[in-house]
Amino acid sequence: NRELLSEQEAFQQFWEALNKESWMT
């Protein structure tokens, strides 16, 4: 029920989530 994002749009959302949630490697 939801159209998939483009690769770049998905990356931007992914990057923002990593920052917001303070993930570390």
PDB file of all heavy atoms in Angstrom:
ATOM      1  N   ASN A   1       0.799  -1.227   0.000  1.00  0.00           N
ATOM      2  CA  ASN A   1       0.000   0.000   0.000  1.00  0.00           C
ATOM      3  C   ASN A   1       0.832   1.278   0.000  1.00  0.00           C
ATOM      4  O   ASN A   1       0.350   2.316   0.384  1.00  0.00           O
ATOM      5  CB  ASN A   1      -0.958   0.031   1.204  1.00  0.00           C
ATOM      6  CG  ASN A   1      -1.882  -1.148   1.223  1.00  0.00           C
ATOM      7  OD1 ASN A   1      -2.287  -1.648   0.173  1.00  0.00           O
ATOM      8  ND2 ASN A   1      -2.222  -1.618   2.400  1.00  0.00           N
ATOM      9  N   ARG A   2       2.067   1.194  -0.397  1.00  0.00           N
ATOM     10  CA  ARG A   2       2.907   2.370  -0.420  1.00  0.00           C
ATOM     11  C   ARG A   2       3.929   2.222  -1.533  1.00  0.00           C
ATOM     12  O   ARG A   2       4.563   1.193  -1.662  1.00  0.00           O
ATOM     13  CB  ARG A   2       3.623   2.525   0.925  1.00  0.00           C
ATOM     14  CG  ARG A   2       4.149   3.905   1.163  1.00  0.00           C
ATOM     15  CD  ARG A   2       4.867   3.913   2.476  1.00  0.00           C
ATOM     16  NE  ARG A   2       4.161   4.783   3.392  1.00  0.00           N
ATOM     17  CZ  ARG A   2       4.636   5.139   4.553  1.00  0.00           C
ATOM     18  NH1 ARG A   2       5.772   4.668   4.975  1.00  0.00           N
ATOM     19  NH2 ARG A   2       3.971   5.954   5.332  1.00  0.00           N
ATOM     20  N   GLU A   3       4.060   3.255  -2.311  1.00  0.00           N
ATOM     21  CA  GLU A   3       5.041   3.219  -3.384  1.00  0.00           C
ATOM     22  C   GLU A   3       6.435   3.315  -2.792  1.00  0.00           C
ATOM     23  O   GLU A   3       6.683   4.114  -1.887  1.00  0.00           O
ATOM     24  CB  GLU A   3       4.794   4.377  -4.341  1.00  0.00           C
ATOM     25  CG  GLU A   3       5.645   4.305  -5.582  1.00  0.00           C
ATOM     26  CD  GLU A   3       5.294   5.397  -6.573  1.00  0.00           C
ATOM     27  OE1 GLU A   3       4.096   5.703  -6.717  1.00  0.00           O
ATOM     28  OE2 GLU A   3       6.228   5.933  -7.164  1.00  0.00           O
ATOM     29  N   LEU A   4       7.336   2.492  -3.294  1.00  0.00           N
ATOM     30  CA  LEU A   4       8.709   2.525  -2.810  1.00  0.00           C
ATOM     31  C   LEU A   4       9.383   3.826  -3.222  1.00  0.00           C
ATOM     32  O   LEU A   4       9.097   4.388  -4.272  1.00  0.00           O
ATOM     33  CB  LEU A   4       9.500   1.341  -3.370  1.00  0.00           C
ATOM     34  CG  LEU A   4       9.114  -0.029  -2.842  1.00  0.00           C
ATOM     35  CD1 LEU A   4       9.904  -1.108  -3.580  1.00  0.00           C
ATOM     36  CD2 LEU A   4       9.348  -0.127  -1.357  1.00  0.00           C
ATOM     37  N   LEU A   5      10.299   4.260  -2.395  1.00  0.00           N
ATOM     38  CA  LEU A   5      11.067   5.461  -2.671  1.00  0.00           C
ATOM     39  C   LEU A   5      12.142   5.169  -3.715  1.00  0.00           C
ATOM     40  O   LEU A   5      12.545   4.015  -3.893  1.00  0.00           O
ATOM     41  CB  LEU A   5      11.748   5.939  -1.386  1.00  0.00           C
ATOM     42  CG  LEU A   5      10.843   6.302  -0.213  1.00  0.00           C
ATOM     43  CD1 LEU A   5      11.683   6.553   1.026  1.00  0.00           C
ATOM     44  CD2 LEU A   5       9.994   7.510  -0.541  1.00  0.00           C
ATOM     45  N   SER A   6      12.634   6.222  -4.341  1.00  0.00           N
ATOM     46  CA  SER A   6      13.809   6.051  -5.191  1.00  0.00           C
ATOM     47  C   SER A   6      14.987   5.708  -4.284  1.00  0.00           C
ATOM     48  O   SER A   6      14.939   5.931  -3.062  1.00  0.00           O
ATOM     49  CB  SER A   6      14.106   7.339  -5.966  1.00  0.00           C
ATOM     50  OG  SER A   6      14.610   8.325  -5.085  1.00  0.00           O
ATOM     51  N   GLU A   7      16.042   5.191  -4.861  1.00  0.00           N
ATOM     52  CA  GLU A   7      17.216   4.849  -4.054  1.00  0.00           C
ATOM     53  C   GLU A   7      17.745   6.067  -3.305  1.00  0.00           C
ATOM     54  O   GLU A   7      18.082   5.979  -2.121  1.00  0.00           O
ATOM     55  CB  GLU A   7      18.303   4.261  -4.949  1.00  0.00           C
ATOM     56  CG  GLU A   7      19.504   3.775  -4.176  1.00  0.00           C
ATOM     57  CD  GLU A   7      20.529   3.077  -5.053  1.00  0.00           C
ATOM     58  OE1 GLU A   7      20.165   2.528  -6.106  1.00  0.00           O
ATOM     59  OE2 GLU A   7      21.700   3.082  -4.653  1.00  0.00           O
ATOM     60  N   GLN A   8      17.805   7.219  -3.961  1.00  0.00           N
ATOM     61  CA  GLN A   8      18.321   8.435  -3.323  1.00  0.00           C
ATOM     62  C   GLN A   8      17.397   8.931  -2.219  1.00  0.00           C
ATOM     63  O   GLN A   8      17.853   9.345  -1.158  1.00  0.00           O
ATOM     64  CB  GLN A   8      18.552   9.540  -4.367  1.00  0.00           C
ATOM     65  CG  GLN A   8      19.210  10.777  -3.792  1.00  0.00           C
ATOM     66  CD  GLN A   8      20.540  10.489  -3.125  1.00  0.00           C
ATOM     67  OE1 GLN A   8      21.354   9.705  -3.592  1.00  0.00           O
ATOM     68  NE2 GLN A   8      20.774  11.110  -1.974  1.00  0.00           N
ATOM     69  N   GLU A   9      16.083   8.889  -2.459  1.00  0.00           N
ATOM     70  CA  GLU A   9      15.133   9.310  -1.418  1.00  0.00           C
ATOM     71  C   GLU A   9      15.210   8.379  -0.208  1.00  0.00           C
ATOM     72  O   GLU A   9      15.178   8.836   0.944  1.00  0.00           O
ATOM     73  CB  GLU A   9      13.709   9.309  -1.969  1.00  0.00           C
ATOM     74  CG  GLU A   9      13.437  10.390  -2.991  1.00  0.00           C
ATOM     75  CD  GLU A   9      12.112  10.193  -3.707  1.00  0.00           C
ATOM     76  OE1 GLU A   9      11.716   9.027  -3.950  1.00  0.00           O
ATOM     77  OE2 GLU A   9      11.479  11.205  -4.024  1.00  0.00           O
ATOM     78  N   ALA A  10      15.324   7.087  -0.465  1.00  0.00           N
ATOM     79  CA  ALA A  10      15.451   6.119   0.624  1.00  0.00           C
ATOM     80  C   ALA A  10      16.740   6.357   1.400  1.00  0.00           C
ATOM     81  O   ALA A  10      16.752   6.284   2.632  1.00  0.00           O
ATOM     82  CB  ALA A  10      15.412   4.696   0.074  1.00  0.00           C
ATOM     83  N   PHE A  11      17.828   6.654   0.674  1.00  0.00           N
ATOM     84  CA  PHE A  11      19.097   6.928   1.359  1.00  0.00           C
ATOM     85  C   PHE A  11      18.968   8.146   2.265  1.00  0.00           C
ATOM     86  O   PHE A  11      19.439   8.129   3.404  1.00  0.00           O
ATOM     87  CB  PHE A  11      20.245   7.144   0.365  1.00  0.00           C
ATOM     88  CG  PHE A  11      21.522   7.489   1.068  1.00  0.00           C
ATOM     89  CD1 PHE A  11      22.262   6.506   1.695  1.00  0.00           C
ATOM     90  CD2 PHE A  11      21.955   8.803   1.153  1.00  0.00           C
ATOM     91  CE1 PHE A  11      23.424   6.811   2.388  1.00  0.00           C
ATOM     92  CE2 PHE A  11      23.112   9.124   1.842  1.00  0.00           C
ATOM     93  CZ  PHE A  11      23.854   8.130   2.459  1.00  0.00           C
ATOM     94  N   GLN A  12      18.338   9.198   1.781  1.00  0.00           N
ATOM     95  CA  GLN A  12      18.177  10.407   2.598  1.00  0.00           C
ATOM     96  C   GLN A  12      17.397  10.090   3.865  1.00  0.00           C
ATOM     97  O   GLN A  12      17.771  10.513   4.962  1.00  0.00           O
ATOM     98  CB  GLN A  12      17.465  11.505   1.792  1.00  0.00           C
ATOM     99  CG  GLN A  12      17.340  12.812   2.536  1.00  0.00           C
ATOM    100  CD  GLN A  12      18.679  13.446   2.869  1.00  0.00           C
ATOM    101  OE1 GLN A  12      19.631  13.355   2.099  1.00  0.00           O
ATOM    102  NE2 GLN A  12      18.767  14.082   4.021  1.00  0.00           N
ATOM    103  N   GLN A  13      16.331   9.313   3.752  1.00  0.00           N
ATOM    104  CA  GLN A  13      15.533   8.932   4.924  1.00  0.00           C
ATOM    105  C   GLN A  13      16.367   8.060   5.868  1.00  0.00           C
ATOM    106  O   GLN A  13      16.306   8.218   7.093  1.00  0.00           O
ATOM    107  CB  GLN A  13      14.276   8.193   4.467  1.00  0.00           C
ATOM    108  CG  GLN A  13      13.294   7.927   5.570  1.00  0.00           C
ATOM    109  CD  GLN A  13      12.000   7.307   5.057  1.00  0.00           C
ATOM    110  OE1 GLN A  13      11.812   7.091   3.860  1.00  0.00           O
ATOM    111  NE2 GLN A  13      11.115   6.995   5.970  1.00  0.00           N
ATOM    112  N   PHE A  14      17.142   7.153   5.313  1.00  0.00           N
ATOM    113  CA  PHE A  14      18.021   6.275   6.096  1.00  0.00           C
ATOM    114  C   PHE A  14      19.057   7.100   6.855  1.00  0.00           C
ATOM    115  O   PHE A  14      19.240   6.934   8.064  1.00  0.00           O
ATOM    116  CB  PHE A  14      18.700   5.299   5.131  1.00  0.00           C
ATOM    117  CG  PHE A  14      19.703   4.368   5.745  1.00  0.00           C
ATOM    118  CD1 PHE A  14      19.318   3.414   6.668  1.00  0.00           C
ATOM    119  CD2 PHE A  14      21.033   4.427   5.369  1.00  0.00           C
ATOM    120  CE1 PHE A  14      20.239   2.535   7.214  1.00  0.00           C
ATOM    121  CE2 PHE A  14      21.967   3.560   5.909  1.00  0.00           C
ATOM    122  CZ  PHE A  14      21.564   2.614   6.841  1.00  0.00           C
ATOM    123  N   TRP A  15      19.721   8.008   6.156  1.00  0.00           N
ATOM    124  CA  TRP A  15      20.751   8.857   6.762  1.00  0.00           C
ATOM    125  C   TRP A  15      20.170   9.698   7.900  1.00  0.00           C
ATOM    126  O   TRP A  15      20.769   9.805   8.970  1.00  0.00           O
ATOM    127  CB  TRP A  15      21.372   9.743   5.675  1.00  0.00           C
ATOM    128  CG  TRP A  15      22.519  10.554   6.154  1.00  0.00           C
ATOM    129  CD1 TRP A  15      23.823  10.177   6.234  1.00  0.00           C
ATOM    130  CD2 TRP A  15      22.471  11.905   6.619  1.00  0.00           C
ATOM    131  NE1 TRP A  15      24.592  11.208   6.729  1.00  0.00           N
ATOM    132  CE2 TRP A  15      23.770  12.278   6.967  1.00  0.00           C
ATOM    133  CE3 TRP A  15      21.434  12.825   6.769  1.00  0.00           C
ATOM    134  CZ2 TRP A  15      24.079  13.542   7.464  1.00  0.00           C
ATOM    135  CZ3 TRP A  15      21.743  14.087   7.268  1.00  0.00           C
ATOM    136  CH2 TRP A  15      23.054  14.429   7.607  1.00  0.00           C
ATOM    137  N   GLU A  16      19.011  10.265   7.677  1.00  0.00           N
ATOM    138  CA  GLU A  16      18.357  11.075   8.707  1.00  0.00           C
ATOM    139  C   GLU A  16      18.016  10.232   9.941  1.00  0.00           C
ATOM    140  O   GLU A  16      18.189  10.681  11.077  1.00  0.00           O
ATOM    141  CB  GLU A  16      17.102  11.743   8.149  1.00  0.00           C
ATOM    142  CG  GLU A  16      17.428  12.855   7.169  1.00  0.00           C
ATOM    143  CD  GLU A  16      16.217  13.393   6.433  1.00  0.00           C
ATOM    144  OE1 GLU A  16      15.069  12.950   6.703  1.00  0.00           O
ATOM    145  OE2 GLU A  16      16.414  14.259   5.553  1.00  0.00           O
ATOM    146  N   ALA A  17      17.546   9.006   9.727  1.00  0.00           N
ATOM    147  CA  ALA A  17      17.212   8.124  10.854  1.00  0.00           C
ATOM    148  C   ALA A  17      18.472   7.756  11.646  1.00  0.00           C
ATOM    149  O   ALA A  17      18.448   7.725  12.881  1.00  0.00           O
ATOM    150  CB  ALA A  17      16.507   6.871  10.359  1.00  0.00           C
ATOM    151  N   LEU A  18      19.561   7.462  10.943  1.00  0.00           N
ATOM    152  CA  LEU A  18      20.824   7.145  11.630  1.00  0.00           C
ATOM    153  C   LEU A  18      21.260   8.305  12.517  1.00  0.00           C
ATOM    154  O   LEU A  18      21.692   8.102  13.654  1.00  0.00           O
ATOM    155  CB  LEU A  18      21.930   6.829  10.621  1.00  0.00           C
ATOM    156  CG  LEU A  18      21.795   5.527   9.850  1.00  0.00           C
ATOM    157  CD1 LEU A  18      22.843   5.465   8.734  1.00  0.00           C
ATOM    158  CD2 LEU A  18      21.922   4.328  10.775  1.00  0.00           C
ATOM    159  N   ASN A  19      21.172   9.519  11.991  1.00  0.00           N
ATOM    160  CA  ASN A  19      21.547  10.699  12.769  1.00  0.00           C
ATOM    161  C   ASN A  19      20.624  10.901  13.965  1.00  0.00           C
ATOM    162  O   ASN A  19      21.079  11.107  15.083  1.00  0.00           O
ATOM    163  CB  ASN A  19      21.521  11.963  11.902  1.00  0.00           C
ATOM    164  CG  ASN A  19      22.814  12.178  11.184  1.00  0.00           C
ATOM    165  OD1 ASN A  19      23.884  11.932  11.712  1.00  0.00           O
ATOM    166  ND2 ASN A  19      22.717  12.642   9.956  1.00  0.00           N
ATOM    167  N   LYS A  20      19.329  10.855  13.709  1.00  0.00           N
ATOM    168  CA  LYS A  20      18.338  11.102  14.759  1.00  0.00           C
ATOM    169  C   LYS A  20      18.480  10.100  15.903  1.00  0.00           C
ATOM    170  O   LYS A  20      18.365  10.453  17.072  1.00  0.00           O
ATOM    171  CB  LYS A  20      16.935  11.031  14.159  1.00  0.00           C
ATOM    172  CG  LYS A  20      15.836  11.274  15.160  1.00  0.00           C
ATOM    173  CD  LYS A  20      14.474  11.183  14.507  1.00  0.00           C
ATOM    174  CE  LYS A  20      13.384  11.373  15.541  1.00  0.00           C
ATOM    175  NZ  LYS A  20      12.060  11.126  14.982  1.00  0.00           N
ATOM    176  N   GLU A  21      18.739   8.845  15.551  1.00  0.00           N
ATOM    177  CA  GLU A  21      18.812   7.787  16.561  1.00  0.00           C
ATOM    178  C   GLU A  21      20.228   7.550  17.095  1.00  0.00           C
ATOM    179  O   GLU A  21      20.435   6.662  17.916  1.00  0.00           O
ATOM    180  CB  GLU A  21      18.236   6.495  15.987  1.00  0.00           C
ATOM    181  CG  GLU A  21      16.763   6.629  15.639  1.00  0.00           C
ATOM    182  CD  GLU A  21      16.169   5.341  15.122  1.00  0.00           C
ATOM    183  OE1 GLU A  21      16.727   4.252  15.387  1.00  0.00           O
ATOM    184  OE2 GLU A  21      15.131   5.420  14.438  1.00  0.00           O
ATOM    185  N   SER A  22      21.205   8.313  16.618  1.00  0.00           N
ATOM    186  CA  SER A  22      22.590   8.270  17.117  1.00  0.00           C
ATOM    187  C   SER A  22      23.250   6.896  17.022  1.00  0.00           C
ATOM    188  O   SER A  22      23.905   6.442  17.960  1.00  0.00           O
ATOM    189  CB  SER A  22      22.648   8.772  18.563  1.00  0.00           C
ATOM    190  OG  SER A  22      22.128  10.068  18.659  1.00  0.00           O
ATOM    191  N   TRP A  23      23.095   6.222  15.888  1.00  0.00           N
ATOM    192  CA  TRP A  23      23.755   4.939  15.681  1.00  0.00           C
ATOM    193  C   TRP A  23      25.263   5.143  15.572  1.00  0.00           C
ATOM    194  O   TRP A  23      25.730   6.144  15.034  1.00  0.00           O
ATOM    195  CB  TRP A  23      23.243   4.290  14.403  1.00  0.00           C
ATOM    196  CG  TRP A  23      21.917   3.618  14.570  1.00  0.00           C
ATOM    197  CD1 TRP A  23      20.713   4.218  14.789  1.00  0.00           C
ATOM    198  CD2 TRP A  23      21.661   2.222  14.522  1.00  0.00           C
ATOM    199  NE1 TRP A  23      19.724   3.284  14.874  1.00  0.00           N
ATOM    200  CE2 TRP A  23      20.270   2.038  14.714  1.00  0.00           C
ATOM    201  CE3 TRP A  23      22.463   1.108  14.327  1.00  0.00           C
ATOM    202  CZ2 TRP A  23      19.676   0.790  14.720  1.00  0.00           C
ATOM    203  CZ3 TRP A  23      21.862  -0.153  14.326  1.00  0.00           C
ATOM    204  CH2 TRP A  23      20.484  -0.296  14.528  1.00  0.00           C
ATOM    205  N   MET A  24      26.029   4.155  16.070  1.00  0.00           N
ATOM    206  CA  MET A  24      27.492   4.184  15.996  1.00  0.00           C
ATOM    207  C   MET A  24      27.997   2.873  15.399  1.00  0.00           C
ATOM    208  O   MET A  24      27.385   1.822  15.567  1.00  0.00           O
ATOM    209  CB  MET A  24      28.108   4.368  17.383  1.00  0.00           C
ATOM    210  CG  MET A  24      27.897   5.731  17.989  1.00  0.00           C
ATOM    211  SD  MET A  24      28.786   7.047  17.134  1.00  0.00           S
ATOM    212  CE  MET A  24      30.494   6.661  17.530  1.00  0.00           C
ATOM    213  N   THR A  25      29.137   2.965  14.726  1.00  0.00           N
ATOM    214  CA  THR A  25      29.807   1.792  14.181  1.00  0.00           C
ATOM    215  C   THR A  25      31.161   1.687  14.863  1.00  0.00           C
ATOM    216  O   THR A  25      31.945   2.638  14.844  1.00  0.00           O
ATOM    217  CB  THR A  25      29.978   1.910  12.647  1.00  0.00           C
ATOM    218  OG1 THR A  25      28.674   2.044  12.069  1.00  0.00           O
ATOM    219  CG2 THR A  25      30.664   0.674  12.074  1.00  0.00           C
TER     220      THR A  25
END
